[in-house]
Amino acid sequence: MASRSTIFALIPQTGITANILRKEGRGDYIVSPRDVKEAERKIEMLYEKYKNGYLPTYPPVENLESYTRKKATEKLSNLFNEL
């Protein structure tokens, strides 16, 4: 997300990663790993945008640090300490 580039996510439509991508406005290219036709369609869409010089860039994510491994480890450590 820090690159502000388009993210093609071959992940389940529901789940933490999909929710984060949608929350940050990056959910346009989330495709279920089992949906081959949809993956093909989205890849073709991205390729056409690339060929025509129009791959969207996105605004910076506020508080991008909250998505780092360091921050995730810190949250997990705090949870263990609470338990």
PDB file of N, CA and C in Angstrom:
ATOM      1  N   MET A   1       0.816  -1.188   0.000  1.00  0.00           N
ATOM      2  CA  MET A   1       0.000   0.000   0.000  1.00  0.00           C
ATOM      3  C   MET A   1       0.860   1.254   0.000  1.00  0.00           C
ATOM      4  N   ALA A   2       2.070   1.131   0.507  1.00  0.00           N
ATOM      5  CA  ALA A   2       2.943   2.302   0.554  1.00  0.00           C
ATOM      6  C   ALA A   2       3.331   2.780  -0.836  1.00  0.00           C
ATOM      7  N   SER A   3       3.342   1.887  -1.808  1.00  0.00           N
ATOM      8  CA  SER A   3       3.724   2.274  -3.170  1.00  0.00           C
ATOM      9  C   SER A   3       2.636   3.084  -3.867  1.00  0.00           C
ATOM     10  N   ARG A   4       1.434   3.064  -3.313  1.00  0.00           N
ATOM     11  CA  ARG A   4       0.283   3.768  -3.874  1.00  0.00           C
ATOM     12  C   ARG A   4      -0.114   3.216  -5.238  1.00  0.00           C
ATOM     13  N   SER A   5       0.321   1.991  -5.545  1.00  0.00           N
ATOM     14  CA  SER A   5       0.009   1.339  -6.810  1.00  0.00           C
ATOM     15  C   SER A   5      -1.237   0.473  -6.684  1.00  0.00           C
ATOM     16  N   THR A   6      -1.723   0.029  -7.833  1.00  0.00           N
ATOM     17  CA  THR A   6      -2.856  -0.881  -7.874  1.00  0.00           C
ATOM     18  C   THR A   6      -2.457  -2.210  -7.245  1.00  0.00           C
ATOM     19  N   ILE A   7      -3.352  -2.781  -6.464  1.00  0.00           N
ATOM     20  CA  ILE A   7      -3.108  -4.074  -5.837  1.00  0.00           C
ATOM     21  C   ILE A   7      -4.063  -5.089  -6.434  1.00  0.00           C
ATOM     22  N   PHE A   8      -3.499  -6.138  -7.044  1.00  0.00           N
ATOM     23  CA  PHE A   8      -4.297  -7.268  -7.531  1.00  0.00           C
ATOM     24  C   PHE A   8      -4.186  -8.331  -6.458  1.00  0.00           C
ATOM     25  N   ALA A   9      -5.290  -8.596  -5.762  1.00  0.00           N
ATOM     26  CA  ALA A   9      -5.271  -9.515  -4.626  1.00  0.00           C
ATOM     27  C   ALA A   9      -6.061 -10.779  -4.961  1.00  0.00           C
ATOM     28  N   LEU A  10      -5.360 -11.882  -5.067  1.00  0.00           N
ATOM     29  CA  LEU A  10      -5.976 -13.172  -5.325  1.00  0.00           C
ATOM     30  C   LEU A  10      -6.210 -13.824  -3.966  1.00  0.00           C
ATOM     31  N   ILE A  11      -7.270 -13.368  -3.307  1.00  0.00           N
ATOM     32  CA  ILE A  11      -7.575 -13.767  -1.929  1.00  0.00           C
ATOM     33  C   ILE A  11      -9.084 -13.956  -1.787  1.00  0.00           C
ATOM     34  N   PRO A  12      -9.529 -14.611  -0.704  1.00  0.00           N
ATOM     35  CA  PRO A  12     -10.971 -14.712  -0.471  1.00  0.00           C
ATOM     36  C   PRO A  12     -11.612 -13.326  -0.361  1.00  0.00           C
ATOM     37  N   GLN A  13     -12.847 -13.225  -0.817  1.00  0.00           N
ATOM     38  CA  GLN A  13     -13.578 -11.948  -0.790  1.00  0.00           C
ATOM     39  C   GLN A  13     -13.839 -11.454   0.631  1.00  0.00           C
ATOM     40  N   THR A  14     -13.896 -12.376   1.564  1.00  0.00           N
ATOM     41  CA  THR A  14     -14.106 -12.000   2.960  1.00  0.00           C
ATOM     42  C   THR A  14     -12.847 -12.350   3.735  1.00  0.00           C
ATOM     43  N   GLY A  15     -12.578 -11.626   4.734  1.00  0.00           N
ATOM     44  CA  GLY A  15     -11.390 -11.875   5.547  1.00  0.00           C
ATOM     45  C   GLY A  15     -10.696 -10.570   5.863  1.00  0.00           C
ATOM     46  N   ILE A  16      -9.695 -10.665   6.694  1.00  0.00           N
ATOM     47  CA  ILE A  16      -9.009  -9.484   7.190  1.00  0.00           C
ATOM     48  C   ILE A  16      -8.335  -8.699   6.070  1.00  0.00           C
ATOM     49  N   THR A  17      -7.611  -9.392   5.206  1.00  0.00           N
ATOM     50  CA  THR A  17      -6.883  -8.696   4.139  1.00  0.00           C
ATOM     51  C   THR A  17      -7.849  -7.983   3.200  1.00  0.00           C
ATOM     52  N   ALA A  18      -8.902  -8.671   2.782  1.00  0.00           N
ATOM     53  CA  ALA A  18      -9.895  -8.053   1.896  1.00  0.00           C
ATOM     54  C   ALA A  18     -10.540  -6.848   2.581  1.00  0.00           C
ATOM     55  N   ASN A  19     -10.839  -6.972   3.855  1.00  0.00           N
ATOM     56  CA  ASN A  19     -11.446  -5.861   4.592  1.00  0.00           C
ATOM     57  C   ASN A  19     -10.509  -4.657   4.663  1.00  0.00           C
ATOM     58  N   ILE A  20      -9.229  -4.912   4.904  1.00  0.00           N
ATOM     59  CA  ILE A  20      -8.256  -3.814   4.974  1.00  0.00           C
ATOM     60  C   ILE A  20      -8.138  -3.133   3.614  1.00  0.00           C
ATOM     61  N   LEU A  21      -8.036  -3.929   2.543  1.00  0.00           N
ATOM     62  CA  LEU A  21      -7.924  -3.338   1.206  1.00  0.00           C
ATOM     63  C   LEU A  21      -9.142  -2.480   0.878  1.00  0.00           C
ATOM     64  N   ARG A  22     -10.312  -2.966   1.203  1.00  0.00           N
ATOM     65  CA  ARG A  22     -11.527  -2.164   0.956  1.00  0.00           C
ATOM     66  C   ARG A  22     -11.534  -0.900   1.808  1.00  0.00           C
ATOM     67  N   LYS A  23     -11.183  -1.046   3.076  1.00  0.00           N
ATOM     68  CA  LYS A  23     -11.166   0.103   3.993  1.00  0.00           C
ATOM     69  C   LYS A  23     -10.242   1.200   3.477  1.00  0.00           C
ATOM     70  N   GLU A  24      -9.127   0.794   2.875  1.00  0.00           N
ATOM     71  CA  GLU A  24      -8.148   1.753   2.381  1.00  0.00           C
ATOM     72  C   GLU A  24      -8.386   2.145   0.919  1.00  0.00           C
ATOM     73  N   GLY A  25      -9.536   1.742   0.363  1.00  0.00           N
ATOM     74  CA  GLY A  25      -9.884   2.120  -1.001  1.00  0.00           C
ATOM     75  C   GLY A  25      -9.117   1.364  -2.062  1.00  0.00           C
ATOM     76  N   ARG A  26      -8.633   0.169  -1.737  1.00  0.00           N
ATOM     77  CA  ARG A  26      -7.838  -0.618  -2.673  1.00  0.00           C
ATOM     78  C   ARG A  26      -8.526  -1.936  -3.027  1.00  0.00           C
ATOM     79  N   GLY A  27      -9.833  -2.006  -2.896  1.00  0.00           N
ATOM     80  CA  GLY A  27     -10.549  -3.259  -3.098  1.00  0.00           C
ATOM     81  C   GLY A  27     -11.063  -3.519  -4.495  1.00  0.00           C
ATOM     82  N   ASP A  28     -10.638  -2.729  -5.470  1.00  0.00           N
ATOM     83  CA  ASP A  28     -11.156  -2.887  -6.837  1.00  0.00           C
ATOM     84  C   ASP A  28     -10.729  -4.184  -7.507  1.00  0.00           C
ATOM     85  N   TYR A  29      -9.599  -4.726  -7.094  1.00  0.00           N
ATOM     86  CA  TYR A  29      -9.062  -5.900  -7.769  1.00  0.00           C
ATOM     87  C   TYR A  29      -8.853  -7.061  -6.805  1.00  0.00           C
ATOM     88  N   ILE A  30      -9.845  -7.301  -5.960  1.00  0.00           N
ATOM     89  CA  ILE A  30      -9.853  -8.478  -5.100  1.00  0.00           C
ATOM     90  C   ILE A  30     -10.615  -9.562  -5.848  1.00  0.00           C
ATOM     91  N   VAL A  31      -9.959 -10.712  -6.025  1.00  0.00           N
ATOM     92  CA  VAL A  31     -10.565 -11.808  -6.765  1.00  0.00           C
ATOM     93  C   VAL A  31     -10.383 -13.092  -5.967  1.00  0.00           C
ATOM     94  N   SER A  32     -11.444 -13.855  -5.862  1.00  0.00           N
ATOM     95  CA  SER A  32     -11.372 -15.142  -5.188  1.00  0.00           C
ATOM     96  C   SER A  32     -10.415 -16.065  -5.940  1.00  0.00           C
ATOM     97  N   PRO A  33      -9.561 -16.799  -5.240  1.00  0.00           N
ATOM     98  CA  PRO A  33      -8.623 -17.698  -5.909  1.00  0.00           C
ATOM     99  C   PRO A  33      -9.311 -18.780  -6.741  1.00  0.00           C
ATOM    100  N   ARG A  34     -10.556 -19.050  -6.463  1.00  0.00           N
ATOM    101  CA  ARG A  34     -11.291 -20.086  -7.198  1.00  0.00           C
ATOM    102  C   ARG A  34     -12.022 -19.547  -8.429  1.00  0.00           C
ATOM    103  N   ASP A  35     -12.065 -18.233  -8.578  1.00  0.00           N
ATOM    104  CA  ASP A  35     -12.813 -17.631  -9.682  1.00  0.00           C
ATOM    105  C   ASP A  35     -11.869 -17.277 -10.835  1.00  0.00           C
ATOM    106  N   VAL A  36     -11.545 -18.282 -11.627  1.00  0.00           N
ATOM    107  CA  VAL A  36     -10.571 -18.124 -12.704  1.00  0.00           C
ATOM    108  C   VAL A  36     -11.046 -17.112 -13.746  1.00  0.00           C
ATOM    109  N   LYS A  37     -12.306 -17.173 -14.110  1.00  0.00           N
ATOM    110  CA  LYS A  37     -12.841 -16.250 -15.132  1.00  0.00           C
ATOM    111  C   LYS A  37     -12.747 -14.792 -14.664  1.00  0.00           C
ATOM    112  N   GLU A  38     -13.093 -14.554 -13.408  1.00  0.00           N
ATOM    113  CA  GLU A  38     -13.019 -13.191 -12.871  1.00  0.00           C
ATOM    114  C   GLU A  38     -11.566 -12.726 -12.790  1.00  0.00           C
ATOM    115  N   ALA A  39     -10.659 -13.609 -12.403  1.00  0.00           N
ATOM    116  CA  ALA A  39      -9.237 -13.258 -12.354  1.00  0.00           C
ATOM    117  C   ALA A  39      -8.749 -12.885 -13.750  1.00  0.00           C
ATOM    118  N   GLU A  40      -9.142 -13.667 -14.734  1.00  0.00           N
ATOM    119  CA  GLU A  40      -8.760 -13.382 -16.120  1.00  0.00           C
ATOM    120  C   GLU A  40      -9.297 -12.018 -16.558  1.00  0.00           C
ATOM    121  N   ARG A  41     -10.556 -11.744 -16.232  1.00  0.00           N
ATOM    122  CA  ARG A  41     -11.180 -10.481 -16.608  1.00  0.00           C
ATOM    123  C   ARG A  41     -10.463  -9.290 -15.961  1.00  0.00           C
ATOM    124  N   LYS A  42     -10.158  -9.413 -14.684  1.00  0.00           N
ATOM    125  CA  LYS A  42      -9.505  -8.302 -13.969  1.00  0.00           C
ATOM    126  C   LYS A  42      -8.072  -8.089 -14.465  1.00  0.00           C
ATOM    127  N   ILE A  43      -7.373  -9.183 -14.759  1.00  0.00           N
ATOM    128  CA  ILE A  43      -6.015  -9.050 -15.285  1.00  0.00           C
ATOM    129  C   ILE A  43      -6.048  -8.349 -16.640  1.00  0.00           C
ATOM    130  N   GLU A  44      -7.001  -8.731 -17.477  1.00  0.00           N
ATOM    131  CA  GLU A  44      -7.138  -8.072 -18.780  1.00  0.00           C
ATOM    132  C   GLU A  44      -7.451  -6.589 -18.611  1.00  0.00           C
ATOM    133  N   MET A  45      -8.319  -6.252 -17.647  1.00  0.00           N
ATOM    134  CA  MET A  45      -8.637  -4.843 -17.381  1.00  0.00           C
ATOM    135  C   MET A  45      -7.373  -4.074 -16.982  1.00  0.00           C
ATOM    136  N   LEU A  46      -6.596  -4.655 -16.074  1.00  0.00           N
ATOM    137  CA  LEU A  46      -5.371  -4.000 -15.626  1.00  0.00           C
ATOM    138  C   LEU A  46      -4.371  -3.852 -16.766  1.00  0.00           C
ATOM    139  N   TYR A  47      -4.263  -4.875 -17.585  1.00  0.00           N
ATOM    140  CA  TYR A  47      -3.328  -4.815 -18.704  1.00  0.00           C
ATOM    141  C   TYR A  47      -3.725  -3.708 -19.693  1.00  0.00           C
ATOM    142  N   GLU A  48      -5.017  -3.597 -19.972  1.00  0.00           N
ATOM    143  CA  GLU A  48      -5.488  -2.538 -20.874  1.00  0.00           C
ATOM    144  C   GLU A  48      -5.169  -1.161 -20.298  1.00  0.00           C
ATOM    145  N   LYS A  49      -5.384  -0.994 -18.993  1.00  0.00           N
ATOM    146  CA  LYS A  49      -5.061   0.288 -18.359  1.00  0.00           C
ATOM    147  C   LYS A  49      -3.563   0.558 -18.437  1.00  0.00           C
ATOM    148  N   TYR A  50      -2.766  -0.478 -18.228  1.00  0.00           N
ATOM    149  CA  TYR A  50      -1.313  -0.337 -18.325  1.00  0.00           C
ATOM    150  C   TYR A  50      -0.900   0.061 -19.737  1.00  0.00           C
ATOM    151  N   LYS A  51      -1.439  -0.634 -20.736  1.00  0.00           N
ATOM    152  CA  LYS A  51      -1.101  -0.345 -22.138  1.00  0.00           C
ATOM    153  C   LYS A  51      -1.444   1.085 -22.518  1.00  0.00           C
ATOM    154  N   ASN A  52      -2.552   1.574 -21.996  1.00  0.00           N
ATOM    155  CA  ASN A  52      -3.005   2.923 -22.324  1.00  0.00           C
ATOM    156  C   ASN A  52      -2.403   3.994 -21.410  1.00  0.00           C
ATOM    157  N   GLY A  53      -1.490   3.575 -20.541  1.00  0.00           N
ATOM    158  CA  GLY A  53      -0.821   4.532 -19.666  1.00  0.00           C
ATOM    159  C   GLY A  53      -1.670   5.025 -18.520  1.00  0.00           C
ATOM    160  N   TYR A  54      -2.680   4.240 -18.170  1.00  0.00           N
ATOM    161  CA  TYR A  54      -3.532   4.676 -17.068  1.00  0.00           C
ATOM    162  C   TYR A  54      -3.706   3.567 -16.028  1.00  0.00           C
ATOM    163  N   LEU A  55      -2.697   3.417 -15.203  1.00  0.00           N
ATOM    164  CA  LEU A  55      -2.870   2.601 -14.002  1.00  0.00           C
ATOM    165  C   LEU A  55      -3.076   3.599 -12.876  1.00  0.00           C
ATOM    166  N   PRO A  56      -4.160   3.469 -12.149  1.00  0.00           N
ATOM    167  CA  PRO A  56      -4.441   4.469 -11.120  1.00  0.00           C
ATOM    168  C   PRO A  56      -3.396   4.463 -10.006  1.00  0.00           C
ATOM    169  N   THR A  57      -3.156   5.631  -9.462  1.00  0.00           N
ATOM    170  CA  THR A  57      -2.389   5.734  -8.230  1.00  0.00           C
ATOM    171  C   THR A  57      -3.368   6.159  -7.150  1.00  0.00           C
ATOM    172  N   TYR A  58      -3.048   5.820  -5.958  1.00  0.00           N
ATOM    173  CA  TYR A  58      -3.964   6.043  -4.847  1.00  0.00           C
ATOM    174  C   TYR A  58      -3.355   7.019  -3.866  1.00  0.00           C
ATOM    175  N   PRO A  59      -4.191   7.687  -3.110  1.00  0.00           N
ATOM    176  CA  PRO A  59      -3.657   8.599  -2.096  1.00  0.00           C
ATOM    177  C   PRO A  59      -2.917   7.802  -1.023  1.00  0.00           C
ATOM    178  N   PRO A  60      -1.995   8.450  -0.330  1.00  0.00           N
ATOM    179  CA  PRO A  60      -1.267   7.755   0.724  1.00  0.00           C
ATOM    180  C   PRO A  60      -2.226   7.235   1.798  1.00  0.00           C
ATOM    181  N   VAL A  61      -1.885   6.100   2.351  1.00  0.00           N
ATOM    182  CA  VAL A  61      -2.677   5.521   3.438  1.00  0.00           C
ATOM    183  C   VAL A  61      -2.282   6.223   4.730  1.00  0.00           C
ATOM    184  N   GLU A  62      -3.276   6.739   5.422  1.00  0.00           N
ATOM    185  CA  GLU A  62      -2.996   7.358   6.712  1.00  0.00           C
ATOM    186  C   GLU A  62      -2.609   6.261   7.698  1.00  0.00           C
ATOM    187  N   ASN A  63      -1.622   6.554   8.510  1.00  0.00           N
ATOM    188  CA  ASN A  63      -1.163   5.626   9.532  1.00  0.00           C
ATOM    189  C   ASN A  63      -0.758   4.280   8.917  1.00  0.00           C
ATOM    190  N   LEU A  64       0.009   4.339   7.858  1.00  0.00           N
ATOM    191  CA  LEU A  64       0.486   3.136   7.172  1.00  0.00           C
ATOM    192  C   LEU A  64       1.267   2.229   8.119  1.00  0.00           C
ATOM    193  N   GLU A  65       1.881   2.827   9.125  1.00  0.00           N
ATOM    194  CA  GLU A  65       2.672   2.042  10.081  1.00  0.00           C
ATOM    195  C   GLU A  65       1.827   0.969  10.777  1.00  0.00           C
ATOM    196  N   SER A  66       0.543   1.198  10.904  1.00  0.00           N
ATOM    197  CA  SER A  66      -0.300   0.223  11.604  1.00  0.00           C
ATOM    198  C   SER A  66      -0.378  -1.112  10.867  1.00  0.00           C
ATOM    199  N   TYR A  67       0.083  -1.159   9.603  1.00  0.00           N
ATOM    200  CA  TYR A  67       0.049  -2.394   8.819  1.00  0.00           C
ATOM    201  C   TYR A  67       1.408  -3.093   8.739  1.00  0.00           C
ATOM    202  N   THR A  68       2.397  -2.601   9.467  1.00  0.00           N
ATOM    203  CA  THR A  68       3.719  -3.212   9.415  1.00  0.00           C
ATOM    204  C   THR A  68       3.791  -4.447  10.314  1.00  0.00           C
ATOM    205  N   ARG A  69       4.758  -5.313  10.009  1.00  0.00           N
ATOM    206  CA  ARG A  69       4.965  -6.508  10.847  1.00  0.00           C
ATOM    207  C   ARG A  69       5.320  -6.108  12.265  1.00  0.00           C
ATOM    208  N   LYS A  70       6.090  -5.054  12.410  1.00  0.00           N
ATOM    209  CA  LYS A  70       6.488  -4.602  13.738  1.00  0.00           C
ATOM    210  C   LYS A  70       5.252  -4.246  14.565  1.00  0.00           C
ATOM    211  N   LYS A  71       4.327  -3.510  13.967  1.00  0.00           N
ATOM    212  CA  LYS A  71       3.116  -3.109  14.691  1.00  0.00           C
ATOM    213  C   LYS A  71       2.242  -4.330  14.992  1.00  0.00           C
ATOM    214  N   ALA A  72       2.137  -5.260  14.042  1.00  0.00           N
ATOM    215  CA  ALA A  72       1.339  -6.471  14.261  1.00  0.00           C
ATOM    216  C   ALA A  72       1.931  -7.304  15.403  1.00  0.00           C
ATOM    217  N   THR A  73       3.266  -7.407  15.435  1.00  0.00           N
ATOM    218  CA  THR A  73       3.933  -8.149  16.502  1.00  0.00           C
ATOM    219  C   THR A  73       3.704  -7.475  17.845  1.00  0.00           C
ATOM    220  N   GLU A  74       3.749  -6.157  17.836  1.00  0.00           N
ATOM    221  CA  GLU A  74       3.500  -5.404  19.065  1.00  0.00           C
ATOM    222  C   GLU A  74       2.084  -5.663  19.589  1.00  0.00           C
ATOM    223  N   LYS A  75       1.111  -5.657  18.683  1.00  0.00           N
ATOM    224  CA  LYS A  75      -0.277  -5.919  19.090  1.00  0.00           C
ATOM    225  C   LYS A  75      -0.420  -7.332  19.640  1.00  0.00           C
ATOM    226  N   LEU A  76       0.222  -8.298  18.986  1.00  0.00           N
ATOM    227  CA  LEU A  76       0.146  -9.683  19.442  1.00  0.00           C
ATOM    228  C   LEU A  76       0.805  -9.831  20.801  1.00  0.00           C
ATOM    229  N   SER A  77       1.943  -9.184  20.978  1.00  0.00           N
ATOM    230  CA  SER A  77       2.641  -9.229  22.261  1.00  0.00           C
ATOM    231  C   SER A  77       1.774  -8.641  23.377  1.00  0.00           C
ATOM    232  N   ASN A  78       1.121  -7.528  23.094  1.00  0.00           N
ATOM    233  CA  ASN A  78       0.229  -6.909  24.079  1.00  0.00           C
ATOM    234  C   ASN A  78      -0.928  -7.835  24.430  1.00  0.00           C
ATOM    235  N   LEU A  79      -1.456  -8.520  23.417  1.00  0.00           N
ATOM    236  CA  LEU A  79      -2.560  -9.466  23.660  1.00  0.00           C
ATOM    237  C   LEU A  79      -2.095 -10.607  24.571  1.00  0.00           C
ATOM    238  N   PHE A  80      -0.901 -11.159  24.296  1.00  0.00           N
ATOM    239  CA  PHE A  80      -0.368 -12.222  25.135  1.00  0.00           C
ATOM    240  C   PHE A  80      -0.168 -11.725  26.564  1.00  0.00           C
ATOM    241  N   ASN A  81       0.337 -10.502  26.705  1.00  0.00           N
ATOM    242  CA  ASN A  81       0.542  -9.938  28.039  1.00  0.00           C
ATOM    243  C   ASN A  81      -0.774  -9.785  28.788  1.00  0.00           C
ATOM    244  N   GLU A  82      -1.839  -9.427  28.091  1.00  0.00           N
ATOM    245  CA  GLU A  82      -3.151  -9.278  28.719  1.00  0.00           C
ATOM    246  C   GLU A  82      -3.692 -10.624  29.193  1.00  0.00           C
ATOM    247  N   LEU A  83      -3.439 -11.647  28.394  1.00  0.00           N
ATOM    248  CA  LEU A  83      -3.938 -12.979  28.735  1.00  0.00           C
ATOM    249  C   LEU A  83      -3.151 -13.560  29.883  1.00  0.00           C
TER     250      LEU A  83
END
